[in-house]
């Protein structure tokens, strides 16, 4: 009986994989990932729904291998019903922050996150640079997000495929921080013109994750995994990570990106770290993966 991946998170300065023992609720562990580390695993059986809100799927439904959500329709509805993004938590008493996040030249988004999470949400999205804009109640943060999206002409989501396509050719820290600072200045100028009084504006302070994400320039990334299969292997040396993505140096096959959202719900066992990649892949930037919201 193997371990089932429960997803990648960024609680600190590096990525962490969570695991749950298949068929044994309550047995959990985490793997702290380090750059230069050799990884190797093999998928077994079928991919199953991960459930919702910490509860297992009541029917253990089989889910599509290319979906990044890893939930059946019913568990997906339950999860979204309690999501901040779904605007179903208007009475949430917690403090939220509004941010600007930069993923590459011309790719900036505005969003909100719980203040208690600090910058974890930004690392989970793969934001190379970000700055806080303001803090306050949820609905004030949401109104500010909508105001800035319209006034600055920036989206509230950017597909992961676009983020991956530019990671190996990013400009230097000074240039990327300058783009964020320019947008921050335009956002700050809107204070008093629709900016909710309940939202406290925060000073500019760029946070650059270039070092945190590792060697994103370790080599050209040509391929991305589109889904696991029974018996399929993913193995290589971890050279970088950003958001849900692990960048693996696989030898003759070069650097391959593994979106760990595609791993959740699978039973996994160890495999040789030099076994390469024997699961379906596609060119970076090509279609083929059912992406998530952010």
C-alpha atoms as a PDB file:
ATOM      1  CA  UNK A   1       0.000   0.000   0.000  1.00  0.00           C
ATOM      2  CA  UNK A   2       1.553   3.297  -1.120  1.00  0.00           C
ATOM      3  CA  UNK A   3       1.364   6.912  -0.104  1.00  0.00           C
ATOM      4  CA  UNK A   4      -1.061   9.296  -1.774  1.00  0.00           C
ATOM      5  CA  UNK A   5       0.244  12.792  -2.546  1.00  0.00           C
ATOM      6  CA  UNK A   6      -1.785  15.542  -0.854  1.00  0.00           C
ATOM      7  CA  UNK A   7      -0.129  18.432  -2.687  1.00  0.00           C
ATOM      8  CA  UNK A   8       2.758  20.893  -2.648  1.00  0.00           C
ATOM      9  CA  UNK A   9       2.865  23.851  -0.260  1.00  0.00           C
ATOM     10  CA  UNK A  10       5.250  26.692   0.586  1.00  0.00           C
ATOM     11  CA  UNK A  11       5.064  27.212   4.358  1.00  0.00           C
ATOM     12  CA  UNK A  12       8.537  28.782   4.456  1.00  0.00           C
ATOM     13  CA  UNK A  13      11.469  29.391   2.147  1.00  0.00           C
ATOM     14  CA  UNK A  14      11.158  26.067   0.336  1.00  0.00           C
ATOM     15  CA  UNK A  15       8.591  23.631  -1.083  1.00  0.00           C
ATOM     16  CA  UNK A  16       7.053  20.807   0.955  1.00  0.00           C
ATOM     17  CA  UNK A  17       5.113  17.780  -0.305  1.00  0.00           C
ATOM     18  CA  UNK A  18       2.354  16.362   1.906  1.00  0.00           C
ATOM     19  CA  UNK A  19       1.402  12.678   1.870  1.00  0.00           C
ATOM     20  CA  UNK A  20      -1.458  10.557   3.213  1.00  0.00           C
ATOM     21  CA  UNK A  21      -1.301   6.796   3.589  1.00  0.00           C
ATOM     22  CA  UNK A  22      -3.679   5.181   1.091  1.00  0.00           C
ATOM     23  CA  UNK A  23      -6.681   3.633   2.814  1.00  0.00           C
ATOM     24  CA  UNK A  24      -5.521   4.661   6.291  1.00  0.00           C
ATOM     25  CA  UNK A  25      -7.005   7.994   7.385  1.00  0.00           C
ATOM     26  CA  UNK A  26      -4.867   9.937   9.814  1.00  0.00           C
ATOM     27  CA  UNK A  27      -1.497   8.625   8.637  1.00  0.00           C
ATOM     28  CA  UNK A  28       0.267  11.637   7.176  1.00  0.00           C
ATOM     29  CA  UNK A  29       3.807  12.853   6.595  1.00  0.00           C
ATOM     30  CA  UNK A  30       5.645  15.608   4.741  1.00  0.00           C
ATOM     31  CA  UNK A  31       8.737  15.705   2.548  1.00  0.00           C
ATOM     32  CA  UNK A  32      10.836  18.874   2.620  1.00  0.00           C
ATOM     33  CA  UNK A  33      12.300  19.273  -0.861  1.00  0.00           C
ATOM     34  CA  UNK A  34      15.804  20.595  -1.467  1.00  0.00           C
ATOM     35  CA  UNK A  35      17.395  21.724  -4.714  1.00  0.00           C
ATOM     36  CA  UNK A  36      19.894  19.191  -6.004  1.00  0.00           C
ATOM     37  CA  UNK A  37      17.866  16.349  -4.472  1.00  0.00           C
ATOM     38  CA  UNK A  38      17.223  13.226  -6.568  1.00  0.00           C
ATOM     39  CA  UNK A  39      13.545  12.271  -6.811  1.00  0.00           C
ATOM     40  CA  UNK A  40      11.835   9.211  -8.268  1.00  0.00           C
ATOM     41  CA  UNK A  41       8.350   7.692  -8.002  1.00  0.00           C
ATOM     42  CA  UNK A  42       5.954   5.398  -9.853  1.00  0.00           C
ATOM     43  CA  UNK A  43       2.157   5.791 -10.014  1.00  0.00           C
ATOM     44  CA  UNK A  44      -0.052   2.809  -9.180  1.00  0.00           C
ATOM     45  CA  UNK A  45      -3.661   1.981 -10.006  1.00  0.00           C
ATOM     46  CA  UNK A  46      -6.115   4.801 -10.662  1.00  0.00           C
ATOM     47  CA  UNK A  47      -6.326   8.426  -9.590  1.00  0.00           C
ATOM     48  CA  UNK A  48      -8.934   9.063  -6.907  1.00  0.00           C
ATOM     49  CA  UNK A  49     -10.764  12.169  -5.694  1.00  0.00           C
ATOM     50  CA  UNK A  50      -8.981  13.933  -2.825  1.00  0.00           C
ATOM     51  CA  UNK A  51     -12.254  14.965  -1.153  1.00  0.00           C
ATOM     52  CA  UNK A  52     -13.126  18.438   0.118  1.00  0.00           C
ATOM     53  CA  UNK A  53     -12.514  20.584   3.202  1.00  0.00           C
ATOM     54  CA  UNK A  54     -10.313  17.904   4.789  1.00  0.00           C
ATOM     55  CA  UNK A  55     -12.907  15.149   4.359  1.00  0.00           C
ATOM     56  CA  UNK A  56     -12.414  12.077   2.131  1.00  0.00           C
ATOM     57  CA  UNK A  57     -14.561  11.595  -0.943  1.00  0.00           C
ATOM     58  CA  UNK A  58     -17.551   9.494   0.234  1.00  0.00           C
ATOM     59  CA  UNK A  59     -17.501   7.332  -2.906  1.00  0.00           C
ATOM     60  CA  UNK A  60     -13.759   7.293  -3.636  1.00  0.00           C
ATOM     61  CA  UNK A  61     -14.483   8.521  -7.163  1.00  0.00           C
ATOM     62  CA  UNK A  62     -11.968   8.073  -9.968  1.00  0.00           C
ATOM     63  CA  UNK A  63     -10.975  11.447 -11.487  1.00  0.00           C
ATOM     64  CA  UNK A  64      -9.371  12.448 -14.831  1.00  0.00           C
ATOM     65  CA  UNK A  65      -5.585  12.202 -14.962  1.00  0.00           C
ATOM     66  CA  UNK A  66      -5.200  15.636 -16.606  1.00  0.00           C
ATOM     67  CA  UNK A  67      -7.320  17.636 -14.165  1.00  0.00           C
ATOM     68  CA  UNK A  68      -5.404  19.866 -11.752  1.00  0.00           C
ATOM     69  CA  UNK A  69      -8.339  19.856  -9.327  1.00  0.00           C
ATOM     70  CA  UNK A  70      -8.272  16.121  -8.451  1.00  0.00           C
ATOM     71  CA  UNK A  71     -11.884  16.290  -7.237  1.00  0.00           C
ATOM     72  CA  UNK A  72     -15.102  14.697  -8.428  1.00  0.00           C
ATOM     73  CA  UNK A  73     -17.999  17.003  -9.321  1.00  0.00           C
ATOM     74  CA  UNK A  74     -19.678  16.756  -5.907  1.00  0.00           C
ATOM     75  CA  UNK A  75     -16.499  17.363  -3.873  1.00  0.00           C
ATOM     76  CA  UNK A  76     -15.583  20.181  -6.233  1.00  0.00           C
ATOM     77  CA  UNK A  77     -18.900  21.918  -5.540  1.00  0.00           C
ATOM     78  CA  UNK A  78     -18.451  21.493  -1.784  1.00  0.00           C
ATOM     79  CA  UNK A  79     -14.924  22.904  -1.902  1.00  0.00           C
ATOM     80  CA  UNK A  80     -15.949  25.941  -3.976  1.00  0.00           C
ATOM     81  CA  UNK A  81     -18.910  26.630  -1.704  1.00  0.00           C
ATOM     82  CA  UNK A  82     -16.470  27.505   1.100  1.00  0.00           C
ATOM     83  CA  UNK A  83     -13.919  29.319  -1.057  1.00  0.00           C
ATOM     84  CA  UNK A  84     -12.980  32.974  -0.650  1.00  0.00           C
ATOM     85  CA  UNK A  85     -12.778  33.190  -4.433  1.00  0.00           C
ATOM     86  CA  UNK A  86     -16.452  32.211  -4.657  1.00  0.00           C
ATOM     87  CA  UNK A  87     -17.520  35.190  -2.503  1.00  0.00           C
ATOM     88  CA  UNK A  88     -19.495  32.963  -0.146  1.00  0.00           C
ATOM     89  CA  UNK A  89     -17.740  34.126   3.045  1.00  0.00           C
ATOM     90  CA  UNK A  90     -18.814  37.760   3.343  1.00  0.00           C
ATOM     91  CA  UNK A  91     -18.885  37.550   7.153  1.00  0.00           C
ATOM     92  CA  UNK A  92     -15.311  36.252   7.448  1.00  0.00           C
ATOM     93  CA  UNK A  93     -13.802  38.185  10.401  1.00  0.00           C
ATOM     94  CA  UNK A  94     -10.164  37.628   9.421  1.00  0.00           C
ATOM     95  CA  UNK A  95      -7.871  40.314   7.997  1.00  0.00           C
ATOM     96  CA  UNK A  96      -6.958  40.104   4.317  1.00  0.00           C
ATOM     97  CA  UNK A  97      -4.242  41.685   2.210  1.00  0.00           C
ATOM     98  CA  UNK A  98      -4.335  42.928  -1.370  1.00  0.00           C
ATOM     99  CA  UNK A  99      -1.220  42.355  -3.468  1.00  0.00           C
ATOM    100  CA  UNK A 100       0.346  42.883  -6.886  1.00  0.00           C
ATOM    101  CA  UNK A 101       2.190  39.814  -8.208  1.00  0.00           C
ATOM    102  CA  UNK A 102       4.677  39.710 -11.133  1.00  0.00           C
ATOM    103  CA  UNK A 103       5.289  36.497 -13.100  1.00  0.00           C
ATOM    104  CA  UNK A 104       7.151  37.820 -16.123  1.00  0.00           C
ATOM    105  CA  UNK A 105       7.331  40.892 -18.397  1.00  0.00           C
ATOM    106  CA  UNK A 106       3.807  42.242 -18.818  1.00  0.00           C
ATOM    107  CA  UNK A 107       2.355  39.529 -16.581  1.00  0.00           C
ATOM    108  CA  UNK A 108       1.092  41.165 -13.385  1.00  0.00           C
ATOM    109  CA  UNK A 109      -2.049  40.265 -11.461  1.00  0.00           C
ATOM    110  CA  UNK A 110      -3.886  41.667  -8.469  1.00  0.00           C
ATOM    111  CA  UNK A 111      -5.247  39.395  -5.748  1.00  0.00           C
ATOM    112  CA  UNK A 112      -6.066  38.925  -2.091  1.00  0.00           C
ATOM    113  CA  UNK A 113      -4.891  36.502   0.592  1.00  0.00           C
ATOM    114  CA  UNK A 114      -5.392  36.044   4.322  1.00  0.00           C
ATOM    115  CA  UNK A 115      -2.914  38.143   6.284  1.00  0.00           C
ATOM    116  CA  UNK A 116      -2.040  35.173   8.510  1.00  0.00           C
ATOM    117  CA  UNK A 117      -0.669  33.324   5.475  1.00  0.00           C
ATOM    118  CA  UNK A 118       1.934  36.043   4.852  1.00  0.00           C
ATOM    119  CA  UNK A 119       3.573  35.360   1.465  1.00  0.00           C
ATOM    120  CA  UNK A 120       2.732  31.635   1.216  1.00  0.00           C
ATOM    121  CA  UNK A 121      -0.067  32.243  -1.284  1.00  0.00           C
ATOM    122  CA  UNK A 122       2.292  34.167  -3.558  1.00  0.00           C
ATOM    123  CA  UNK A 123       4.852  31.345  -3.548  1.00  0.00           C
ATOM    124  CA  UNK A 124       2.063  28.849  -4.264  1.00  0.00           C
ATOM    125  CA  UNK A 125       1.132  30.852  -7.359  1.00  0.00           C
ATOM    126  CA  UNK A 126       4.733  31.104  -8.553  1.00  0.00           C
ATOM    127  CA  UNK A 127       4.951  34.896  -8.192  1.00  0.00           C
ATOM    128  CA  UNK A 128       8.548  35.912  -8.902  1.00  0.00           C
ATOM    129  CA  UNK A 129       8.023  39.369  -7.341  1.00  0.00           C
ATOM    130  CA  UNK A 130       5.175  40.790  -5.283  1.00  0.00           C
ATOM    131  CA  UNK A 131       4.276  43.746  -3.099  1.00  0.00           C
ATOM    132  CA  UNK A 132       1.462  44.339  -0.664  1.00  0.00           C
ATOM    133  CA  UNK A 133      -1.015  47.109  -1.468  1.00  0.00           C
ATOM    134  CA  UNK A 134      -3.326  47.194   1.542  1.00  0.00           C
ATOM    135  CA  UNK A 135      -4.925  45.304   4.414  1.00  0.00           C
ATOM    136  CA  UNK A 136      -8.402  45.172   5.910  1.00  0.00           C
ATOM    137  CA  UNK A 137     -11.701  43.224   6.041  1.00  0.00           C
ATOM    138  CA  UNK A 138     -12.460  40.670   3.336  1.00  0.00           C
ATOM    139  CA  UNK A 139     -15.106  42.639   1.455  1.00  0.00           C
ATOM    140  CA  UNK A 140     -13.024  45.839   1.477  1.00  0.00           C
ATOM    141  CA  UNK A 141     -10.094  43.836   0.096  1.00  0.00           C
ATOM    142  CA  UNK A 142     -12.349  42.309  -2.561  1.00  0.00           C
ATOM    143  CA  UNK A 143     -13.704  45.719  -3.645  1.00  0.00           C
ATOM    144  CA  UNK A 144     -10.156  47.076  -3.876  1.00  0.00           C
ATOM    145  CA  UNK A 145      -9.113  44.083  -5.964  1.00  0.00           C
ATOM    146  CA  UNK A 146     -11.949  44.776  -8.409  1.00  0.00           C
ATOM    147  CA  UNK A 147     -11.147  48.503  -8.520  1.00  0.00           C
ATOM    148  CA  UNK A 148      -7.476  47.889  -9.302  1.00  0.00           C
ATOM    149  CA  UNK A 149      -8.182  45.213 -11.871  1.00  0.00           C
ATOM    150  CA  UNK A 150     -10.307  47.658 -13.845  1.00  0.00           C
ATOM    151  CA  UNK A 151      -8.173  50.779 -13.302  1.00  0.00           C
ATOM    152  CA  UNK A 152      -4.780  49.171 -13.949  1.00  0.00           C
ATOM    153  CA  UNK A 153      -5.919  46.810 -16.671  1.00  0.00           C
ATOM    154  CA  UNK A 154      -4.472  43.751 -14.944  1.00  0.00           C
ATOM    155  CA  UNK A 155      -6.166  40.358 -14.496  1.00  0.00           C
ATOM    156  CA  UNK A 156      -6.940  38.452 -11.303  1.00  0.00           C
ATOM    157  CA  UNK A 157      -5.541  35.226 -12.745  1.00  0.00           C
ATOM    158  CA  UNK A 158      -2.790  34.138 -15.152  1.00  0.00           C
ATOM    159  CA  UNK A 159      -2.671  30.589 -16.578  1.00  0.00           C
ATOM    160  CA  UNK A 160       0.244  28.483 -15.361  1.00  0.00           C
ATOM    161  CA  UNK A 161       1.192  27.671 -18.947  1.00  0.00           C
ATOM    162  CA  UNK A 162       2.075  31.333 -19.535  1.00  0.00           C
ATOM    163  CA  UNK A 163       4.120  31.489 -16.335  1.00  0.00           C
ATOM    164  CA  UNK A 164       6.140  28.397 -17.261  1.00  0.00           C
ATOM    165  CA  UNK A 165       6.878  29.651 -20.745  1.00  0.00           C
ATOM    166  CA  UNK A 166       8.925  32.650 -19.509  1.00  0.00           C
ATOM    167  CA  UNK A 167      10.678  31.339 -16.381  1.00  0.00           C
ATOM    168  CA  UNK A 168      13.950  30.483 -18.093  1.00  0.00           C
ATOM    169  CA  UNK A 169      14.335  33.940 -19.689  1.00  0.00           C
ATOM    170  CA  UNK A 170      13.332  36.349 -16.926  1.00  0.00           C
ATOM    171  CA  UNK A 171      14.986  39.782 -16.710  1.00  0.00           C
ATOM    172  CA  UNK A 172      17.138  40.694 -13.719  1.00  0.00           C
ATOM    173  CA  UNK A 173      15.795  41.721 -10.294  1.00  0.00           C
ATOM    174  CA  UNK A 174      16.019  45.465 -10.912  1.00  0.00           C
ATOM    175  CA  UNK A 175      13.914  45.347 -14.073  1.00  0.00           C
ATOM    176  CA  UNK A 176      11.186  43.126 -12.625  1.00  0.00           C
ATOM    177  CA  UNK A 177      10.938  45.147  -9.409  1.00  0.00           C
ATOM    178  CA  UNK A 178      10.674  48.358 -11.438  1.00  0.00           C
ATOM    179  CA  UNK A 179       7.593  47.078 -13.287  1.00  0.00           C
ATOM    180  CA  UNK A 180       5.871  46.214 -10.013  1.00  0.00           C
ATOM    181  CA  UNK A 181       6.823  49.569  -8.462  1.00  0.00           C
ATOM    182  CA  UNK A 182       5.374  51.472 -11.418  1.00  0.00           C
ATOM    183  CA  UNK A 183       2.043  49.687 -11.059  1.00  0.00           C
ATOM    184  CA  UNK A 184       2.090  50.210  -7.298  1.00  0.00           C
ATOM    185  CA  UNK A 185       2.433  53.960  -7.903  1.00  0.00           C
ATOM    186  CA  UNK A 186      -0.609  53.941 -10.182  1.00  0.00           C
ATOM    187  CA  UNK A 187      -2.572  51.928  -7.600  1.00  0.00           C
ATOM    188  CA  UNK A 188      -1.642  54.270  -4.750  1.00  0.00           C
ATOM    189  CA  UNK A 189      -2.827  57.231  -6.818  1.00  0.00           C
ATOM    190  CA  UNK A 190      -6.333  55.741  -6.752  1.00  0.00           C
ATOM    191  CA  UNK A 191      -6.650  56.169  -2.995  1.00  0.00           C
ATOM    192  CA  UNK A 192      -9.671  58.378  -2.433  1.00  0.00           C
ATOM    193  CA  UNK A 193     -11.142  57.514  -5.837  1.00  0.00           C
ATOM    194  CA  UNK A 194     -13.145  54.456  -4.909  1.00  0.00           C
ATOM    195  CA  UNK A 195     -10.554  52.944  -2.570  1.00  0.00           C
ATOM    196  CA  UNK A 196     -12.585  51.561   0.398  1.00  0.00           C
ATOM    197  CA  UNK A 197     -12.015  53.529   3.614  1.00  0.00           C
ATOM    198  CA  UNK A 198     -11.795  50.256   5.566  1.00  0.00           C
ATOM    199  CA  UNK A 199      -8.688  49.199   3.640  1.00  0.00           C
ATOM    200  CA  UNK A 200      -5.383  50.492   5.004  1.00  0.00           C
ATOM    201  CA  UNK A 201      -2.837  51.180   2.262  1.00  0.00           C
ATOM    202  CA  UNK A 202       0.576  49.575   2.856  1.00  0.00           C
ATOM    203  CA  UNK A 203       3.932  51.007   1.702  1.00  0.00           C
ATOM    204  CA  UNK A 204       5.742  49.589  -1.320  1.00  0.00           C
ATOM    205  CA  UNK A 205       8.051  46.720  -0.457  1.00  0.00           C
ATOM    206  CA  UNK A 206       8.994  44.322  -3.243  1.00  0.00           C
ATOM    207  CA  UNK A 207       9.681  40.700  -2.311  1.00  0.00           C
ATOM    208  CA  UNK A 208      11.705  38.806  -4.954  1.00  0.00           C
ATOM    209  CA  UNK A 209      11.437  35.003  -4.975  1.00  0.00           C
ATOM    210  CA  UNK A 210      14.152  34.509  -7.581  1.00  0.00           C
ATOM    211  CA  UNK A 211      16.455  32.862  -5.045  1.00  0.00           C
ATOM    212  CA  UNK A 212      13.683  30.986  -3.261  1.00  0.00           C
ATOM    213  CA  UNK A 213      12.571  29.252  -6.465  1.00  0.00           C
ATOM    214  CA  UNK A 214      16.044  27.908  -7.286  1.00  0.00           C
ATOM    215  CA  UNK A 215      17.794  27.612 -10.644  1.00  0.00           C
ATOM    216  CA  UNK A 216      14.971  28.476 -13.024  1.00  0.00           C
ATOM    217  CA  UNK A 217      17.699  29.207 -15.605  1.00  0.00           C
ATOM    218  CA  UNK A 218      19.340  25.782 -15.107  1.00  0.00           C
ATOM    219  CA  UNK A 219      18.476  24.825 -18.659  1.00  0.00           C
ATOM    220  CA  UNK A 220      15.816  25.252 -21.318  1.00  0.00           C
ATOM    221  CA  UNK A 221      12.513  23.709 -20.249  1.00  0.00           C
ATOM    222  CA  UNK A 222      10.979  22.072 -23.281  1.00  0.00           C
ATOM    223  CA  UNK A 223       8.374  19.728 -21.830  1.00  0.00           C
ATOM    224  CA  UNK A 224       5.757  19.513 -19.101  1.00  0.00           C
ATOM    225  CA  UNK A 225       4.034  16.400 -17.744  1.00  0.00           C
ATOM    226  CA  UNK A 226       0.349  16.293 -18.759  1.00  0.00           C
ATOM    227  CA  UNK A 227      -0.744  13.504 -16.418  1.00  0.00           C
ATOM    228  CA  UNK A 228       0.344  10.305 -14.736  1.00  0.00           C
ATOM    229  CA  UNK A 229      -0.544   6.758 -15.804  1.00  0.00           C
ATOM    230  CA  UNK A 230      -0.560   3.441 -13.996  1.00  0.00           C
ATOM    231  CA  UNK A 231       3.063   2.287 -13.859  1.00  0.00           C
ATOM    232  CA  UNK A 232       4.374   5.601 -15.159  1.00  0.00           C
ATOM    233  CA  UNK A 233       7.606   6.952 -13.674  1.00  0.00           C
ATOM    234  CA  UNK A 234       8.797  10.493 -12.986  1.00  0.00           C
ATOM    235  CA  UNK A 235      12.405  10.822 -11.865  1.00  0.00           C
ATOM    236  CA  UNK A 236      15.159  13.401 -11.932  1.00  0.00           C
ATOM    237  CA  UNK A 237      17.176  15.962  -9.981  1.00  0.00           C
ATOM    238  CA  UNK A 238      15.246  18.906  -8.566  1.00  0.00           C
ATOM    239  CA  UNK A 239      16.796  22.135  -9.862  1.00  0.00           C
ATOM    240  CA  UNK A 240      13.941  24.616  -9.293  1.00  0.00           C
ATOM    241  CA  UNK A 241      10.372  24.932  -8.080  1.00  0.00           C
ATOM    242  CA  UNK A 242       7.741  27.659  -8.462  1.00  0.00           C
ATOM    243  CA  UNK A 243       4.107  27.507  -7.484  1.00  0.00           C
ATOM    244  CA  UNK A 244       2.985  23.881  -7.924  1.00  0.00           C
ATOM    245  CA  UNK A 245       5.753  23.127 -10.440  1.00  0.00           C
ATOM    246  CA  UNK A 246       8.886  21.070  -9.892  1.00  0.00           C
ATOM    247  CA  UNK A 247      11.664  21.483 -12.472  1.00  0.00           C
ATOM    248  CA  UNK A 248      13.495  18.163 -12.820  1.00  0.00           C
ATOM    249  CA  UNK A 249      16.766  17.621 -14.649  1.00  0.00           C
ATOM    250  CA  UNK A 250      16.302  14.210 -16.268  1.00  0.00           C
ATOM    251  CA  UNK A 251      19.617  13.733 -18.072  1.00  0.00           C
ATOM    252  CA  UNK A 252      19.164  13.003 -21.764  1.00  0.00           C
ATOM    253  CA  UNK A 253      15.594  14.330 -21.668  1.00  0.00           C
ATOM    254  CA  UNK A 254      16.655  17.725 -20.277  1.00  0.00           C
ATOM    255  CA  UNK A 255      14.573  19.699 -17.761  1.00  0.00           C
ATOM    256  CA  UNK A 256      10.969  18.531 -17.438  1.00  0.00           C
ATOM    257  CA  UNK A 257       8.299  20.384 -15.433  1.00  0.00           C
ATOM    258  CA  UNK A 258       6.013  18.376 -13.162  1.00  0.00           C
ATOM    259  CA  UNK A 259       2.852  20.187 -12.033  1.00  0.00           C
ATOM    260  CA  UNK A 260       2.309  18.549  -8.629  1.00  0.00           C
ATOM    261  CA  UNK A 261      -1.434  19.240  -8.840  1.00  0.00           C
ATOM    262  CA  UNK A 262      -1.471  16.342 -11.328  1.00  0.00           C
ATOM    263  CA  UNK A 263       0.111  14.043  -8.722  1.00  0.00           C
ATOM    264  CA  UNK A 264      -2.539  14.479  -6.022  1.00  0.00           C
ATOM    265  CA  UNK A 265      -4.912  11.545  -5.748  1.00  0.00           C
ATOM    266  CA  UNK A 266      -2.415   8.963  -7.023  1.00  0.00           C
ATOM    267  CA  UNK A 267      -0.893   6.123  -4.991  1.00  0.00           C
ATOM    268  CA  UNK A 268       2.870   6.457  -5.395  1.00  0.00           C
ATOM    269  CA  UNK A 269       5.826   4.173  -4.667  1.00  0.00           C
ATOM    270  CA  UNK A 270       9.533   4.824  -4.970  1.00  0.00           C
ATOM    271  CA  UNK A 271      11.376   4.426  -8.268  1.00  0.00           C
ATOM    272  CA  UNK A 272      14.977   4.729  -9.381  1.00  0.00           C
ATOM    273  CA  UNK A 273      16.096   8.347  -9.499  1.00  0.00           C
ATOM    274  CA  UNK A 274      17.728   7.774 -12.915  1.00  0.00           C
ATOM    275  CA  UNK A 275      14.623   6.177 -14.472  1.00  0.00           C
ATOM    276  CA  UNK A 276      13.667   9.334 -16.358  1.00  0.00           C
ATOM    277  CA  UNK A 277      10.099  10.233 -17.326  1.00  0.00           C
ATOM    278  CA  UNK A 278       7.776   7.584 -18.790  1.00  0.00           C
ATOM    279  CA  UNK A 279       4.466   9.475 -18.471  1.00  0.00           C
ATOM    280  CA  UNK A 280       2.814  11.647 -21.166  1.00  0.00           C
ATOM    281  CA  UNK A 281       4.414  15.072 -21.739  1.00  0.00           C
ATOM    282  CA  UNK A 282       3.800  18.034 -24.028  1.00  0.00           C
ATOM    283  CA  UNK A 283       5.727  21.128 -25.057  1.00  0.00           C
ATOM    284  CA  UNK A 284       5.823  23.922 -22.481  1.00  0.00           C
ATOM    285  CA  UNK A 285       3.097  26.422 -23.331  1.00  0.00           C
ATOM    286  CA  UNK A 286       1.028  23.895 -25.289  1.00  0.00           C
ATOM    287  CA  UNK A 287      -2.530  22.949 -24.368  1.00  0.00           C
ATOM    288  CA  UNK A 288      -3.325  19.666 -22.670  1.00  0.00           C
ATOM    289  CA  UNK A 289      -3.679  20.335 -18.936  1.00  0.00           C
ATOM    290  CA  UNK A 290      -6.980  21.410 -17.367  1.00  0.00           C
ATOM    291  CA  UNK A 291      -5.682  24.393 -15.413  1.00  0.00           C
ATOM    292  CA  UNK A 292      -6.933  25.727 -12.080  1.00  0.00           C
ATOM    293  CA  UNK A 293      -8.178  29.195 -11.195  1.00  0.00           C
ATOM    294  CA  UNK A 294      -4.915  30.938 -10.486  1.00  0.00           C
END
